[in-house]
Amino acid sequence: MALTLFPKHCLRALSRTPVSAMSMGGTWIQKAEYKNFPKPPSYEHITIPKERQKLRFLEKVPQYPPGVRAPKMTRRIDLIQGEEEIQRDLLHGQYAIIAKRGGMLKWGHIEMIRMGIARKINTKKMFAVWRIDSPWLPRTKRGQGKRMGGGKGSIDHYVTPVRAERIIIEVGGKCSFEEVYPFMKMIAEKLPFPAKVVSKEMLEAERAEEERLERENINPFTFKYIIQNNMTGCQIWLKDVDRKYFGKYPA
């Protein structure tokens, strides 16, 4: 199709349209642009549970049988030290929030997670599941201005201990990572310890990269080697958690 030559300002206006033109011997020939869009992902292998798509309500206080007094416990810092060994793999193989350091989750944090997911999730094609228990570890507290002594204080609230690499929640369904990342990242940033939003591919790549760096390290004086050989007498000032995990998971 032959066209008359246009001024420069008209050519700039034409260049913004989906139809492009090129000059061949003073004649302008139009051609339609071609865009190759990627194939949309297939979710045929995804099974959405029928019983409940949203996170269930977790109790604020554990329930004990009638006549049983709620026991008081020590602080149990050992429950947040080191690496999680059981709840560290994805069951549904999609997306999750994973803890990068140990810490204690209060009931307020758990409600923040539940309500944040409930507002953003689409129950027709998505679901979410807990990977932590309801608060069970008691925390005692004395009244303000009271004199020291007189035994252990009364129970103030309960918490859930979480170790590093522990999966807190899983989100899945017929959705992409870009769709769930914004609201999951917002929740992860409000937790009392560093947390990260990961997919199955990201989690496997991170662990493979960590193993590769450890395998290909040519420096013999690693922190593990220094601790095991008591170089410069470091066993005097090291903690028990450093002797066990070699400084990898500080609490």
C-alpha atoms as a PDB file:
ATOM      1  CA  MET A   1       0.000   0.000   0.000  1.00  0.00           C
ATOM      2  CA  ALA A   2       1.733   3.232  -1.150  1.00  0.00           C
ATOM      3  CA  LEU A   3       1.558   6.341   1.024  1.00  0.00           C
ATOM      4  CA  THR A   4       2.636   9.950   0.603  1.00  0.00           C
ATOM      5  CA  LEU A   5       5.756  11.031   2.512  1.00  0.00           C
ATOM      6  CA  PHE A   6       4.819  12.764   5.812  1.00  0.00           C
ATOM      7  CA  PRO A   7       6.606  15.493   7.776  1.00  0.00           C
ATOM      8  CA  LYS A   8       8.710  14.535  10.778  1.00  0.00           C
ATOM      9  CA  HIS A   9       6.062  15.399  13.374  1.00  0.00           C
ATOM     10  CA  CYS A  10       3.543  13.207  11.546  1.00  0.00           C
ATOM     11  CA  LEU A  11       6.018  10.329  11.415  1.00  0.00           C
ATOM     12  CA  ARG A  12       6.543  10.588  15.178  1.00  0.00           C
ATOM     13  CA  ALA A  13       2.799  10.341  15.688  1.00  0.00           C
ATOM     14  CA  LEU A  14       2.596   7.317  13.393  1.00  0.00           C
ATOM     15  CA  SER A  15       5.455   5.598  15.240  1.00  0.00           C
ATOM     16  CA  ARG A  16       3.302   5.481  18.385  1.00  0.00           C
ATOM     17  CA  THR A  17       0.621   3.444  16.631  1.00  0.00           C
ATOM     18  CA  PRO A  18       0.747  -0.389  16.422  1.00  0.00           C
ATOM     19  CA  VAL A  19       1.403  -0.106  12.665  1.00  0.00           C
ATOM     20  CA  SER A  20       5.040   0.484  11.673  1.00  0.00           C
ATOM     21  CA  ALA A  21       6.329   1.713   8.337  1.00  0.00           C
ATOM     22  CA  MET A  22       9.630   1.523   6.473  1.00  0.00           C
ATOM     23  CA  SER A  23      10.925   3.421   3.434  1.00  0.00           C
ATOM     24  CA  MET A  24      11.727   1.608   0.193  1.00  0.00           C
ATOM     25  CA  GLY A  25      12.830   3.987  -2.564  1.00  0.00           C
ATOM     26  CA  GLY A  26      10.589   6.865  -1.465  1.00  0.00           C
ATOM     27  CA  THR A  27       7.570   4.600  -0.944  1.00  0.00           C
ATOM     28  CA  TRP A  28       6.186   3.832   2.532  1.00  0.00           C
ATOM     29  CA  ILE A  29       5.065   0.236   3.070  1.00  0.00           C
ATOM     30  CA  GLN A  30       2.981  -0.633   6.109  1.00  0.00           C
ATOM     31  CA  LYS A  31       3.427  -3.845   8.043  1.00  0.00           C
ATOM     32  CA  ALA A  32       1.689  -5.144  11.171  1.00  0.00           C
ATOM     33  CA  GLU A  33       3.856  -5.721  14.247  1.00  0.00           C
ATOM     34  CA  TYR A  34       4.160  -9.245  15.626  1.00  0.00           C
ATOM     35  CA  LYS A  35       4.447  -9.963  19.361  1.00  0.00           C
ATOM     36  CA  ASN A  36       5.089 -13.429  20.648  1.00  0.00           C
ATOM     37  CA  PHE A  37       3.392 -13.638  24.025  1.00  0.00           C
ATOM     38  CA  PRO A  38       4.496 -16.479  26.344  1.00  0.00           C
ATOM     39  CA  LYS A  39       2.163 -19.395  26.865  1.00  0.00           C
ATOM     40  CA  PRO A  40       0.063 -19.019  30.039  1.00  0.00           C
ATOM     41  CA  PRO A  41       0.959 -21.466  32.819  1.00  0.00           C
ATOM     42  CA  SER A  42      -1.069 -24.626  33.233  1.00  0.00           C
ATOM     43  CA  TYR A  43      -2.508 -25.435  36.650  1.00  0.00           C
ATOM     44  CA  GLU A  44      -3.966 -28.832  35.782  1.00  0.00           C
ATOM     45  CA  HIS A  45      -1.826 -30.591  38.409  1.00  0.00           C
ATOM     46  CA  ILE A  46      -2.956 -28.222  41.205  1.00  0.00           C
ATOM     47  CA  THR A  47      -5.584 -29.615  43.582  1.00  0.00           C
ATOM     48  CA  ILE A  48      -7.387 -27.113  45.811  1.00  0.00           C
ATOM     49  CA  PRO A  49      -8.584 -28.588  49.133  1.00  0.00           C
ATOM     50  CA  LYS A  50     -12.363 -28.546  49.477  1.00  0.00           C
ATOM     51  CA  GLU A  51     -12.682 -28.325  53.239  1.00  0.00           C
ATOM     52  CA  ARG A  52     -11.064 -24.913  53.937  1.00  0.00           C
ATOM     53  CA  GLN A  53      -9.127 -22.454  51.766  1.00  0.00           C
ATOM     54  CA  LYS A  54      -8.375 -19.756  54.368  1.00  0.00           C
ATOM     55  CA  LEU A  55      -6.170 -20.045  57.456  1.00  0.00           C
ATOM     56  CA  ARG A  56      -8.056 -21.434  60.432  1.00  0.00           C
ATOM     57  CA  PHE A  57      -8.329 -19.540  63.712  1.00  0.00           C
ATOM     58  CA  LEU A  58      -5.628 -20.451  66.259  1.00  0.00           C
ATOM     59  CA  GLU A  59      -6.514 -20.229  69.941  1.00  0.00           C
ATOM     60  CA  LYS A  60      -4.888 -17.556  72.053  1.00  0.00           C
ATOM     61  CA  VAL A  61      -4.632 -19.752  75.170  1.00  0.00           C
ATOM     62  CA  PRO A  62      -4.174 -23.559  75.194  1.00  0.00           C
ATOM     63  CA  GLN A  63      -7.078 -25.522  76.645  1.00  0.00           C
ATOM     64  CA  TYR A  64      -6.418 -27.850  79.605  1.00  0.00           C
ATOM     65  CA  PRO A  65      -8.769 -30.475  81.090  1.00  0.00           C
ATOM     66  CA  PRO A  66     -11.014 -29.372  83.977  1.00  0.00           C
ATOM     67  CA  GLY A  67      -9.146 -29.217  87.261  1.00  0.00           C
ATOM     68  CA  VAL A  68      -5.710 -29.046  85.612  1.00  0.00           C
ATOM     69  CA  ARG A  69      -3.766 -25.904  86.395  1.00  0.00           C
ATOM     70  CA  ALA A  70      -1.807 -24.309  83.551  1.00  0.00           C
ATOM     71  CA  PRO A  71       1.870 -25.163  84.116  1.00  0.00           C
ATOM     72  CA  LYS A  72       4.588 -22.513  84.241  1.00  0.00           C
ATOM     73  CA  MET A  73       7.775 -23.106  82.273  1.00  0.00           C
ATOM     74  CA  THR A  74      11.197 -21.599  81.858  1.00  0.00           C
ATOM     75  CA  ARG A  75      12.021 -19.324  78.920  1.00  0.00           C
ATOM     76  CA  ARG A  76      13.237 -22.262  76.771  1.00  0.00           C
ATOM     77  CA  ILE A  77      15.556 -20.257  74.508  1.00  0.00           C
ATOM     78  CA  ASP A  78      16.848 -23.569  73.140  1.00  0.00           C
ATOM     79  CA  LEU A  79      13.584 -23.917  71.169  1.00  0.00           C
ATOM     80  CA  ILE A  80      14.548 -21.016  68.876  1.00  0.00           C
ATOM     81  CA  GLN A  81      18.251 -21.834  68.534  1.00  0.00           C
ATOM     82  CA  GLY A  82      19.653 -23.696  65.559  1.00  0.00           C
ATOM     83  CA  GLU A  83      17.983 -24.999  62.407  1.00  0.00           C
ATOM     84  CA  GLU A  84      14.551 -26.524  61.913  1.00  0.00           C
ATOM     85  CA  GLU A  85      14.812 -30.193  60.992  1.00  0.00           C
ATOM     86  CA  ILE A  86      11.197 -31.255  60.309  1.00  0.00           C
ATOM     87  CA  GLN A  87       8.946 -28.414  59.071  1.00  0.00           C
ATOM     88  CA  ARG A  88      11.387 -27.093  56.449  1.00  0.00           C
ATOM     89  CA  ASP A  89      10.060 -28.525  53.163  1.00  0.00           C
ATOM     90  CA  LEU A  90       7.034 -27.469  51.118  1.00  0.00           C
ATOM     91  CA  LEU A  91       4.132 -29.923  51.271  1.00  0.00           C
ATOM     92  CA  HIS A  92       2.156 -28.368  48.409  1.00  0.00           C
ATOM     93  CA  GLY A  93       5.182 -27.361  46.339  1.00  0.00           C
ATOM     94  CA  GLN A  94       4.288 -23.740  45.599  1.00  0.00           C
ATOM     95  CA  TYR A  95       4.853 -20.660  47.816  1.00  0.00           C
ATOM     96  CA  ALA A  96       5.611 -20.057  51.484  1.00  0.00           C
ATOM     97  CA  ILE A  97       6.934 -17.662  54.128  1.00  0.00           C
ATOM     98  CA  ILE A  98      10.074 -19.074  55.747  1.00  0.00           C
ATOM     99  CA  ALA A  99      11.882 -17.818  58.865  1.00  0.00           C
ATOM    100  CA  LYS A 100      15.539 -16.883  58.406  1.00  0.00           C
ATOM    101  CA  ARG A 101      16.245 -16.621  62.160  1.00  0.00           C
ATOM    102  CA  GLY A 102      14.684 -17.985  65.305  1.00  0.00           C
ATOM    103  CA  GLY A 103      12.115 -16.105  67.344  1.00  0.00           C
ATOM    104  CA  MET A 104       8.841 -16.160  69.265  1.00  0.00           C
ATOM    105  CA  LEU A 105       5.450 -15.545  67.638  1.00  0.00           C
ATOM    106  CA  LYS A 106       2.770 -13.964  69.810  1.00  0.00           C
ATOM    107  CA  TRP A 107      -0.935 -14.397  69.182  1.00  0.00           C
ATOM    108  CA  GLY A 108      -1.067 -10.886  67.728  1.00  0.00           C
ATOM    109  CA  HIS A 109       1.450 -11.851  65.038  1.00  0.00           C
ATOM    110  CA  ILE A 110      -0.551 -14.967  64.218  1.00  0.00           C
ATOM    111  CA  GLU A 111      -3.776 -12.945  63.869  1.00  0.00           C
ATOM    112  CA  MET A 112      -1.949 -10.447  61.666  1.00  0.00           C
ATOM    113  CA  ILE A 113      -0.934 -13.288  59.335  1.00  0.00           C
ATOM    114  CA  ARG A 114      -4.439 -14.788  59.289  1.00  0.00           C
ATOM    115  CA  MET A 115      -6.249 -11.513  58.598  1.00  0.00           C
ATOM    116  CA  GLY A 116      -3.675 -10.396  56.023  1.00  0.00           C
ATOM    117  CA  ILE A 117      -4.128 -13.610  54.067  1.00  0.00           C
ATOM    118  CA  ALA A 118      -7.929 -13.549  54.436  1.00  0.00           C
ATOM    119  CA  ARG A 119      -8.159 -10.064  52.893  1.00  0.00           C
ATOM    120  CA  LYS A 120      -5.978 -10.799  49.876  1.00  0.00           C
ATOM    121  CA  ILE A 121      -6.585 -14.445  48.992  1.00  0.00           C
ATOM    122  CA  ASN A 122      -9.076 -15.527  46.331  1.00  0.00           C
ATOM    123  CA  THR A 123     -10.774 -18.604  47.760  1.00  0.00           C
ATOM    124  CA  LYS A 124     -12.078 -19.712  44.351  1.00  0.00           C
ATOM    125  CA  LYS A 125      -8.610 -20.503  43.062  1.00  0.00           C
ATOM    126  CA  MET A 126      -6.202 -20.186  46.019  1.00  0.00           C
ATOM    127  CA  PHE A 127      -5.689 -21.680  49.479  1.00  0.00           C
ATOM    128  CA  ALA A 128      -3.450 -21.214  52.518  1.00  0.00           C
ATOM    129  CA  VAL A 129      -2.391 -23.592  55.326  1.00  0.00           C
ATOM    130  CA  TRP A 130      -0.596 -23.179  58.656  1.00  0.00           C
ATOM    131  CA  ARG A 131       2.758 -24.826  59.258  1.00  0.00           C
ATOM    132  CA  ILE A 132       3.065 -23.747  62.910  1.00  0.00           C
ATOM    133  CA  ASP A 133       1.223 -24.626  66.125  1.00  0.00           C
ATOM    134  CA  SER A 134      -1.012 -22.356  68.165  1.00  0.00           C
ATOM    135  CA  PRO A 135       0.681 -20.526  71.085  1.00  0.00           C
ATOM    136  CA  TRP A 136       1.604 -23.009  73.820  1.00  0.00           C
ATOM    137  CA  LEU A 137       4.768 -21.780  75.588  1.00  0.00           C
ATOM    138  CA  PRO A 138       3.782 -19.637  78.630  1.00  0.00           C
ATOM    139  CA  ARG A 139       5.389 -16.299  79.388  1.00  0.00           C
ATOM    140  CA  THR A 140       5.164 -15.020  82.968  1.00  0.00           C
ATOM    141  CA  LYS A 141       5.165 -11.391  84.069  1.00  0.00           C
ATOM    142  CA  ARG A 142       5.055  -9.507  87.347  1.00  0.00           C
ATOM    143  CA  GLY A 143       2.931  -6.468  87.959  1.00  0.00           C
ATOM    144  CA  GLN A 144       4.583  -3.094  87.554  1.00  0.00           C
ATOM    145  CA  GLY A 145       6.199  -1.745  90.727  1.00  0.00           C
ATOM    146  CA  LYS A 146       6.077  -5.036  92.658  1.00  0.00           C
ATOM    147  CA  ARG A 147       8.880  -6.083  94.992  1.00  0.00           C
ATOM    148  CA  MET A 148      11.265  -8.821  93.861  1.00  0.00           C
ATOM    149  CA  GLY A 149      10.833 -12.274  95.376  1.00  0.00           C
ATOM    150  CA  GLY A 150       7.809 -14.339  96.233  1.00  0.00           C
ATOM    151  CA  GLY A 151       8.224 -16.940  93.501  1.00  0.00           C
ATOM    152  CA  LYS A 152       7.546 -16.971  89.800  1.00  0.00           C
ATOM    153  CA  GLY A 153       5.033 -14.497  88.409  1.00  0.00           C
ATOM    154  CA  SER A 154       1.689 -15.374  86.884  1.00  0.00           C
ATOM    155  CA  ILE A 155       1.245 -16.303  83.210  1.00  0.00           C
ATOM    156  CA  ASP A 156       0.783 -13.213  81.035  1.00  0.00           C
ATOM    157  CA  HIS A 157       0.542 -14.694  77.516  1.00  0.00           C
ATOM    158  CA  TYR A 158       1.605 -17.631  75.332  1.00  0.00           C
ATOM    159  CA  VAL A 159       3.989 -17.747  72.376  1.00  0.00           C
ATOM    160  CA  THR A 160       4.994 -20.140  69.593  1.00  0.00           C
ATOM    161  CA  PRO A 161       8.762 -20.782  69.259  1.00  0.00           C
ATOM    162  CA  VAL A 162      10.118 -20.843  65.693  1.00  0.00           C
ATOM    163  CA  ARG A 163      13.576 -21.943  64.547  1.00  0.00           C
ATOM    164  CA  ALA A 164      15.476 -20.772  61.473  1.00  0.00           C
ATOM    165  CA  GLU A 165      14.375 -22.333  58.146  1.00  0.00           C
ATOM    166  CA  ARG A 166      10.918 -23.078  59.601  1.00  0.00           C
ATOM    167  CA  ILE A 167       8.016 -22.673  57.183  1.00  0.00           C
ATOM    168  CA  ILE A 168       5.304 -20.528  58.771  1.00  0.00           C
ATOM    169  CA  ILE A 169       2.527 -20.637  56.150  1.00  0.00           C
ATOM    170  CA  GLU A 170       2.051 -22.096  52.684  1.00  0.00           C
ATOM    171  CA  VAL A 171      -0.001 -20.497  49.912  1.00  0.00           C
ATOM    172  CA  GLY A 172      -0.958 -22.314  46.723  1.00  0.00           C
ATOM    173  CA  GLY A 173      -3.560 -22.798  44.045  1.00  0.00           C
ATOM    174  CA  LYS A 174      -4.060 -21.567  40.510  1.00  0.00           C
ATOM    175  CA  CYS A 175      -1.872 -18.483  40.897  1.00  0.00           C
ATOM    176  CA  SER A 176       1.609 -17.285  39.985  1.00  0.00           C
ATOM    177  CA  PHE A 177       4.413 -16.145  42.266  1.00  0.00           C
ATOM    178  CA  GLU A 178       4.032 -12.536  41.068  1.00  0.00           C
ATOM    179  CA  GLU A 179       0.386 -12.628  42.175  1.00  0.00           C
ATOM    180  CA  VAL A 180       1.008 -13.713  45.772  1.00  0.00           C
ATOM    181  CA  TYR A 181       4.392 -12.041  46.392  1.00  0.00           C
ATOM    182  CA  PRO A 182       3.157  -8.481  47.281  1.00  0.00           C
ATOM    183  CA  PHE A 183       0.858  -9.386  50.183  1.00  0.00           C
ATOM    184  CA  MET A 184       3.097 -12.217  51.432  1.00  0.00           C
ATOM    185  CA  LYS A 185       6.091  -9.860  51.498  1.00  0.00           C
ATOM    186  CA  MET A 186       4.042  -7.329  53.467  1.00  0.00           C
ATOM    187  CA  ILE A 187       3.278 -10.018  56.074  1.00  0.00           C
ATOM    188  CA  ALA A 188       6.885 -11.268  56.227  1.00  0.00           C
ATOM    189  CA  GLU A 189       8.171  -7.752  56.965  1.00  0.00           C
ATOM    190  CA  LYS A 190       5.880  -7.435  60.024  1.00  0.00           C
ATOM    191  CA  LEU A 191       7.137 -10.574  61.784  1.00  0.00           C
ATOM    192  CA  PRO A 192       9.394 -10.197  64.873  1.00  0.00           C
ATOM    193  CA  PHE A 193      12.299 -11.970  63.124  1.00  0.00           C
ATOM    194  CA  PRO A 194      13.712 -11.868  59.556  1.00  0.00           C
ATOM    195  CA  ALA A 195      11.510 -13.844  57.162  1.00  0.00           C
ATOM    196  CA  LYS A 196      11.387 -14.336  53.394  1.00  0.00           C
ATOM    197  CA  VAL A 197       8.829 -15.204  50.718  1.00  0.00           C
ATOM    198  CA  VAL A 198      10.016 -18.152  48.622  1.00  0.00           C
ATOM    199  CA  SER A 199       8.748 -20.502  45.943  1.00  0.00           C
ATOM    200  CA  LYS A 200       9.730 -24.138  45.554  1.00  0.00           C
ATOM    201  CA  GLU A 201      12.251 -23.314  42.825  1.00  0.00           C
ATOM    202  CA  MET A 202      13.802 -20.488  44.861  1.00  0.00           C
ATOM    203  CA  LEU A 203      14.122 -22.672  47.964  1.00  0.00           C
ATOM    204  CA  GLU A 204      15.803 -25.500  46.058  1.00  0.00           C
ATOM    205  CA  ALA A 205      18.150 -23.069  44.291  1.00  0.00           C
ATOM    206  CA  GLU A 206      19.205 -21.427  47.581  1.00  0.00           C
ATOM    207  CA  ARG A 207      19.996 -24.756  49.235  1.00  0.00           C
ATOM    208  CA  ALA A 208      21.865 -26.000  46.159  1.00  0.00           C
ATOM    209  CA  GLU A 209      23.914 -22.775  46.049  1.00  0.00           C
ATOM    210  CA  GLU A 210      24.726 -23.098  49.754  1.00  0.00           C
ATOM    211  CA  GLU A 211      25.943 -26.666  49.258  1.00  0.00           C
ATOM    212  CA  ARG A 212      27.995 -25.628  46.230  1.00  0.00           C
ATOM    213  CA  LEU A 213      29.746 -22.816  48.103  1.00  0.00           C
ATOM    214  CA  GLU A 214      30.580 -25.141  50.975  1.00  0.00           C
ATOM    215  CA  ARG A 215      31.822 -27.844  48.613  1.00  0.00           C
ATOM    216  CA  GLU A 216      33.968 -25.564  46.452  1.00  0.00           C
ATOM    217  CA  ASN A 217      35.456 -23.504  49.271  1.00  0.00           C
ATOM    218  CA  ILE A 218      39.269 -23.656  49.059  1.00  0.00           C
ATOM    219  CA  ASN A 219      39.914 -21.832  52.342  1.00  0.00           C
ATOM    220  CA  PRO A 220      40.714 -24.512  54.964  1.00  0.00           C
ATOM    221  CA  PHE A 221      40.255 -22.114  57.911  1.00  0.00           C
ATOM    222  CA  THR A 222      36.500 -22.148  58.116  1.00  0.00           C
ATOM    223  CA  PHE A 223      34.632 -21.237  61.295  1.00  0.00           C
ATOM    224  CA  LYS A 224      33.882 -24.918  61.827  1.00  0.00           C
ATOM    225  CA  TYR A 225      37.571 -25.849  61.525  1.00  0.00           C
ATOM    226  CA  ILE A 226      38.586 -23.068  63.940  1.00  0.00           C
ATOM    227  CA  ILE A 227      36.069 -24.176  66.581  1.00  0.00           C
ATOM    228  CA  GLN A 228      36.836 -27.886  66.304  1.00  0.00           C
ATOM    229  CA  ASN A 229      40.598 -27.275  66.631  1.00  0.00           C
ATOM    230  CA  ASN A 230      40.270 -24.647  69.399  1.00  0.00           C
ATOM    231  CA  MET A 231      42.410 -22.134  67.532  1.00  0.00           C
ATOM    232  CA  THR A 232      43.508 -19.160  69.682  1.00  0.00           C
ATOM    233  CA  GLY A 233      41.644 -20.766  72.583  1.00  0.00           C
ATOM    234  CA  CYS A 234      38.208 -19.886  71.203  1.00  0.00           C
ATOM    235  CA  GLN A 235      36.497 -22.660  73.192  1.00  0.00           C
ATOM    236  CA  ILE A 236      36.761 -20.466  76.297  1.00  0.00           C
ATOM    237  CA  TRP A 237      34.370 -17.759  75.121  1.00  0.00           C
ATOM    238  CA  LEU A 238      32.155 -19.723  72.683  1.00  0.00           C
ATOM    239  CA  LYS A 239      28.533 -20.547  73.474  1.00  0.00           C
ATOM    240  CA  ASP A 240      27.095 -24.047  73.319  1.00  0.00           C
ATOM    241  CA  VAL A 241      24.972 -23.105  70.280  1.00  0.00           C
ATOM    242  CA  ASP A 242      28.161 -22.018  68.446  1.00  0.00           C
ATOM    243  CA  ARG A 243      29.826 -25.336  69.178  1.00  0.00           C
ATOM    244  CA  LYS A 244      26.797 -27.162  67.768  1.00  0.00           C
ATOM    245  CA  TYR A 245      25.911 -25.046  64.707  1.00  0.00           C
ATOM    246  CA  PHE A 246      29.298 -23.283  64.209  1.00  0.00           C
ATOM    247  CA  GLY A 247      27.846 -19.780  64.167  1.00  0.00           C
ATOM    248  CA  LYS A 248      25.440 -20.496  61.332  1.00  0.00           C
ATOM    249  CA  TYR A 249      22.134 -19.848  63.111  1.00  0.00           C
ATOM    250  CA  PRO A 250      22.509 -17.188  65.825  1.00  0.00           C
ATOM    251  CA  ALA A 251      19.490 -16.678  68.059  1.00  0.00           C
END
